[in-house]
């Protein structure tokens, strides 16, 4: 694939992008009525703790922490300037 990436999963739900060992990224379909977007994502040791810390520092929770297909737990937030970002943990 592009950039030497390999993907696994269901393109209609979640595609894990791999480039070497572990997970390098993910691709999800854009919900109906939402403009396409890209999000900066950071792997963290504890998604729930990272969400609490981010909100304490002024972030807005957009999508609460949830377990996704392919063993990924993630949450989406907006920083105080409105930029979308995610925290995730690959649980595989």
N, C-alpha and C. Protein backbone atom coordinates (compact mmCIF):
# COMPACT_ATOMS: atom_id res chain seq x y z
N UNK A 1 0.81 -1.19 0.00
CA UNK A 1 0.00 0.00 0.00
C UNK A 1 0.85 1.25 0.00
N UNK A 2 0.21 2.35 0.06
CA UNK A 2 0.86 3.65 0.09
C UNK A 2 1.85 3.73 1.24
N UNK A 3 3.04 4.23 1.01
CA UNK A 3 4.11 4.38 2.01
C UNK A 3 4.58 3.04 2.58
N UNK A 4 4.26 1.93 1.92
CA UNK A 4 4.64 0.62 2.42
C UNK A 4 3.78 0.14 3.57
N UNK A 5 2.63 0.80 3.78
CA UNK A 5 1.73 0.42 4.86
C UNK A 5 0.97 -0.84 4.50
N UNK A 6 0.66 -1.61 5.51
CA UNK A 6 -0.26 -2.73 5.38
C UNK A 6 -1.42 -2.44 6.32
N UNK A 7 -2.62 -2.85 5.93
CA UNK A 7 -3.78 -2.62 6.78
C UNK A 7 -4.44 -3.94 7.13
N UNK A 8 -5.14 -3.92 8.25
CA UNK A 8 -5.95 -5.07 8.63
C UNK A 8 -7.23 -4.55 9.25
N UNK A 9 -8.30 -5.28 9.05
CA UNK A 9 -9.57 -4.88 9.62
C UNK A 9 -10.63 -4.69 8.55
N UNK A 10 -11.72 -4.10 8.95
CA UNK A 10 -12.87 -3.87 8.09
C UNK A 10 -12.88 -2.40 7.68
N UNK A 11 -12.75 -2.10 6.37
CA UNK A 11 -12.71 -0.70 5.95
C UNK A 11 -13.97 0.09 6.31
N UNK A 12 -15.09 -0.60 6.54
CA UNK A 12 -16.31 0.09 6.92
C UNK A 12 -16.38 0.41 8.40
N UNK A 13 -15.42 -0.13 9.18
CA UNK A 13 -15.42 0.08 10.64
C UNK A 13 -14.11 0.71 11.11
N UNK A 14 -12.99 0.01 10.89
CA UNK A 14 -11.69 0.49 11.34
C UNK A 14 -10.60 -0.31 10.65
N UNK A 15 -9.64 0.37 10.09
CA UNK A 15 -8.46 -0.28 9.51
C UNK A 15 -7.25 0.10 10.34
N UNK A 16 -6.58 -0.90 10.89
CA UNK A 16 -5.32 -0.66 11.59
C UNK A 16 -4.22 -0.59 10.54
N UNK A 17 -3.41 0.45 10.60
CA UNK A 17 -2.30 0.63 9.67
C UNK A 17 -1.04 0.15 10.36
N UNK A 18 -0.31 -0.72 9.68
CA UNK A 18 0.92 -1.25 10.26
C UNK A 18 2.10 -0.97 9.34
N UNK A 19 3.19 -0.61 9.96
CA UNK A 19 4.44 -0.38 9.25
C UNK A 19 5.53 -0.91 10.16
N UNK A 20 5.78 -2.19 10.09
CA UNK A 20 6.71 -2.82 11.01
C UNK A 20 5.93 -3.44 12.16
N UNK A 21 6.50 -3.40 13.35
CA UNK A 21 5.84 -3.99 14.51
C UNK A 21 4.83 -3.02 15.13
N UNK A 22 3.80 -3.55 15.72
CA UNK A 22 2.80 -2.74 16.42
C UNK A 22 1.87 -2.04 15.46
N UNK A 23 1.12 -1.10 15.98
CA UNK A 23 0.17 -0.33 15.18
C UNK A 23 0.77 1.05 14.92
N UNK A 24 0.75 1.49 13.67
CA UNK A 24 1.29 2.79 13.32
C UNK A 24 0.20 3.84 13.15
N UNK A 25 -1.02 3.39 12.99
CA UNK A 25 -2.11 4.34 12.81
C UNK A 25 -3.40 3.61 12.54
N UNK A 26 -4.42 4.36 12.22
CA UNK A 26 -5.71 3.78 11.93
C UNK A 26 -6.52 4.67 11.02
N UNK A 27 -7.43 4.06 10.31
CA UNK A 27 -8.31 4.79 9.40
C UNK A 27 -9.74 4.36 9.70
N UNK A 28 -10.61 5.35 9.94
CA UNK A 28 -12.01 5.06 10.19
C UNK A 28 -12.84 5.81 9.15
N UNK A 29 -14.03 5.28 8.82
CA UNK A 29 -14.87 6.01 7.87
C UNK A 29 -15.42 7.28 8.52
N UNK A 30 -15.64 8.29 7.71
CA UNK A 30 -16.22 9.54 8.19
C UNK A 30 -17.72 9.36 8.33
N UNK A 31 -18.28 9.70 9.49
CA UNK A 31 -19.74 9.57 9.67
C UNK A 31 -20.50 10.45 8.68
N UNK A 32 -21.68 10.04 8.33
CA UNK A 32 -22.54 10.82 7.44
C UNK A 32 -22.74 12.23 8.00
N UNK A 33 -22.58 13.22 7.14
CA UNK A 33 -22.79 14.60 7.55
C UNK A 33 -21.58 15.27 8.16
N UNK A 34 -20.47 14.54 8.30
CA UNK A 34 -19.25 15.10 8.89
C UNK A 34 -18.22 15.26 7.78
N UNK A 35 -17.61 16.43 7.70
CA UNK A 35 -16.57 16.67 6.71
C UNK A 35 -15.36 15.78 7.00
N UNK A 36 -14.68 15.30 5.97
CA UNK A 36 -13.46 14.50 6.19
C UNK A 36 -12.47 15.27 7.06
N UNK A 37 -11.71 14.56 7.87
CA UNK A 37 -10.76 15.19 8.76
C UNK A 37 -9.60 14.24 9.03
N UNK A 38 -8.55 14.79 9.59
CA UNK A 38 -7.43 14.00 10.09
C UNK A 38 -7.23 14.37 11.55
N UNK A 39 -6.82 13.42 12.35
CA UNK A 39 -6.60 13.68 13.77
C UNK A 39 -5.19 13.25 14.16
N UNK A 40 -4.57 14.05 14.97
CA UNK A 40 -3.29 13.71 15.57
C UNK A 40 -3.57 12.71 16.68
N UNK A 41 -2.91 11.56 16.65
CA UNK A 41 -3.18 10.51 17.63
C UNK A 41 -1.90 10.16 18.38
N UNK A 42 -2.06 9.93 19.69
CA UNK A 42 -0.91 9.62 20.54
C UNK A 42 -1.19 8.34 21.31
N UNK A 43 -0.24 7.39 21.24
CA UNK A 43 -0.39 6.17 22.02
C UNK A 43 -0.01 6.48 23.46
N UNK A 44 -0.86 6.07 24.39
CA UNK A 44 -0.66 6.32 25.81
C UNK A 44 -0.78 5.01 26.58
N UNK A 45 -0.20 4.92 27.77
CA UNK A 45 -0.30 3.69 28.55
C UNK A 45 -1.71 3.45 29.09
N UNK A 46 -2.48 4.52 29.36
CA UNK A 46 -3.82 4.39 29.95
C UNK A 46 -4.72 5.45 29.34
N UNK A 47 -5.61 5.02 28.45
CA UNK A 47 -6.49 5.95 27.73
C UNK A 47 -7.37 6.73 28.69
N UNK A 48 -7.99 6.04 29.64
CA UNK A 48 -8.91 6.71 30.55
C UNK A 48 -8.21 7.77 31.40
N UNK A 49 -7.02 7.46 31.87
CA UNK A 49 -6.26 8.44 32.66
C UNK A 49 -5.83 9.62 31.79
N UNK A 50 -5.47 9.36 30.54
CA UNK A 50 -5.07 10.44 29.64
C UNK A 50 -6.25 11.37 29.35
N UNK A 51 -7.45 10.80 29.22
CA UNK A 51 -8.64 11.62 28.99
C UNK A 51 -8.89 12.54 30.18
N UNK A 52 -8.83 11.99 31.38
CA UNK A 52 -9.04 12.80 32.59
C UNK A 52 -8.02 13.93 32.64
N UNK A 53 -6.77 13.62 32.39
CA UNK A 53 -5.70 14.63 32.44
C UNK A 53 -5.92 15.71 31.38
N UNK A 54 -6.27 15.28 30.15
CA UNK A 54 -6.49 16.24 29.07
C UNK A 54 -7.65 17.19 29.39
N UNK A 55 -8.74 16.63 29.90
CA UNK A 55 -9.90 17.46 30.26
C UNK A 55 -9.52 18.42 31.38
N UNK A 56 -8.76 17.95 32.37
CA UNK A 56 -8.29 18.82 33.46
C UNK A 56 -7.46 19.98 32.93
N UNK A 57 -6.76 19.75 31.80
CA UNK A 57 -5.90 20.78 31.21
C UNK A 57 -6.64 21.65 30.19
N UNK A 58 -7.96 21.43 30.03
CA UNK A 58 -8.74 22.30 29.17
C UNK A 58 -9.25 21.69 27.89
N UNK A 59 -8.98 20.40 27.65
CA UNK A 59 -9.50 19.76 26.44
C UNK A 59 -10.99 19.48 26.59
N UNK A 60 -11.67 19.35 25.46
CA UNK A 60 -13.09 19.00 25.42
C UNK A 60 -13.23 17.57 24.91
N UNK A 61 -13.96 16.75 25.62
CA UNK A 61 -14.18 15.37 25.20
C UNK A 61 -15.15 15.35 24.04
N UNK A 62 -14.77 14.72 22.94
CA UNK A 62 -15.61 14.62 21.75
C UNK A 62 -16.23 13.23 21.65
N UNK A 63 -15.40 12.20 21.76
CA UNK A 63 -15.87 10.81 21.76
C UNK A 63 -15.24 10.13 22.97
N UNK A 64 -16.05 9.67 23.92
CA UNK A 64 -15.50 9.04 25.13
C UNK A 64 -14.67 7.80 24.80
N UNK A 65 -13.85 7.40 25.75
CA UNK A 65 -13.01 6.21 25.59
C UNK A 65 -13.89 5.00 25.31
N UNK A 66 -13.48 4.23 24.30
CA UNK A 66 -14.22 3.03 23.95
C UNK A 66 -13.26 2.01 23.35
N UNK A 67 -13.66 0.75 23.44
CA UNK A 67 -12.90 -0.33 22.83
C UNK A 67 -13.38 -0.50 21.40
N UNK A 68 -12.45 -0.45 20.46
CA UNK A 68 -12.75 -0.55 19.04
C UNK A 68 -12.30 -1.91 18.50
N UNK A 69 -12.72 -2.23 17.27
CA UNK A 69 -12.27 -3.47 16.66
C UNK A 69 -10.74 -3.52 16.59
N UNK A 70 -10.21 -4.70 16.52
CA UNK A 70 -8.77 -4.95 16.41
C UNK A 70 -7.99 -4.59 17.68
N UNK A 71 -8.68 -4.53 18.83
CA UNK A 71 -7.98 -4.36 20.09
C UNK A 71 -7.44 -2.98 20.37
N UNK A 72 -8.10 -1.95 19.90
CA UNK A 72 -7.66 -0.58 20.14
C UNK A 72 -8.68 0.12 21.04
N UNK A 73 -8.20 0.72 22.11
CA UNK A 73 -9.04 1.57 22.96
C UNK A 73 -8.65 3.01 22.64
N UNK A 74 -9.65 3.86 22.39
CA UNK A 74 -9.33 5.23 22.00
C UNK A 74 -10.40 6.21 22.48
N UNK A 75 -10.02 7.47 22.49
CA UNK A 75 -10.93 8.58 22.80
C UNK A 75 -10.49 9.76 21.95
N UNK A 76 -11.46 10.60 21.58
CA UNK A 76 -11.17 11.79 20.78
C UNK A 76 -11.52 13.03 21.59
N UNK A 77 -10.64 14.03 21.47
CA UNK A 77 -10.81 15.28 22.21
C UNK A 77 -10.47 16.46 21.31
N UNK A 78 -10.82 17.66 21.76
CA UNK A 78 -10.38 18.89 21.10
C UNK A 78 -9.55 19.66 22.10
N UNK A 79 -8.43 20.20 21.64
CA UNK A 79 -7.61 21.02 22.52
C UNK A 79 -8.29 22.39 22.68
N UNK A 80 -7.77 23.23 23.57
CA UNK A 80 -8.41 24.53 23.80
C UNK A 80 -8.53 25.41 22.55
N UNK A 81 -7.72 25.15 21.51
CA UNK A 81 -7.81 25.90 20.26
C UNK A 81 -8.77 25.25 19.27
N UNK A 82 -9.36 24.11 19.65
CA UNK A 82 -10.33 23.43 18.79
C UNK A 82 -9.76 22.37 17.88
N UNK A 83 -8.47 22.06 18.00
CA UNK A 83 -7.86 21.02 17.16
C UNK A 83 -8.20 19.63 17.70
N UNK A 84 -8.62 18.76 16.80
CA UNK A 84 -8.98 17.40 17.16
C UNK A 84 -7.74 16.55 17.40
N UNK A 85 -7.75 15.76 18.45
CA UNK A 85 -6.68 14.78 18.68
C UNK A 85 -7.27 13.56 19.36
N UNK A 86 -6.53 12.49 19.31
CA UNK A 86 -6.98 11.25 19.93
C UNK A 86 -5.87 10.66 20.78
N UNK A 87 -6.29 9.91 21.79
CA UNK A 87 -5.36 9.10 22.56
C UNK A 87 -5.81 7.66 22.37
N UNK A 88 -4.86 6.75 22.27
CA UNK A 88 -5.21 5.36 22.04
C UNK A 88 -4.21 4.42 22.70
N UNK A 89 -4.64 3.20 22.82
CA UNK A 89 -3.77 2.14 23.33
C UNK A 89 -4.12 0.88 22.57
N UNK A 90 -3.13 0.27 21.95
CA UNK A 90 -3.31 -1.00 21.27
C UNK A 90 -3.24 -2.09 22.32
N UNK A 91 -4.30 -2.86 22.45
CA UNK A 91 -4.40 -3.85 23.52
C UNK A 91 -4.14 -5.26 23.02
N UNK A 92 -3.45 -5.37 21.87
CA UNK A 92 -3.25 -6.68 21.25
C UNK A 92 -2.08 -7.37 21.76
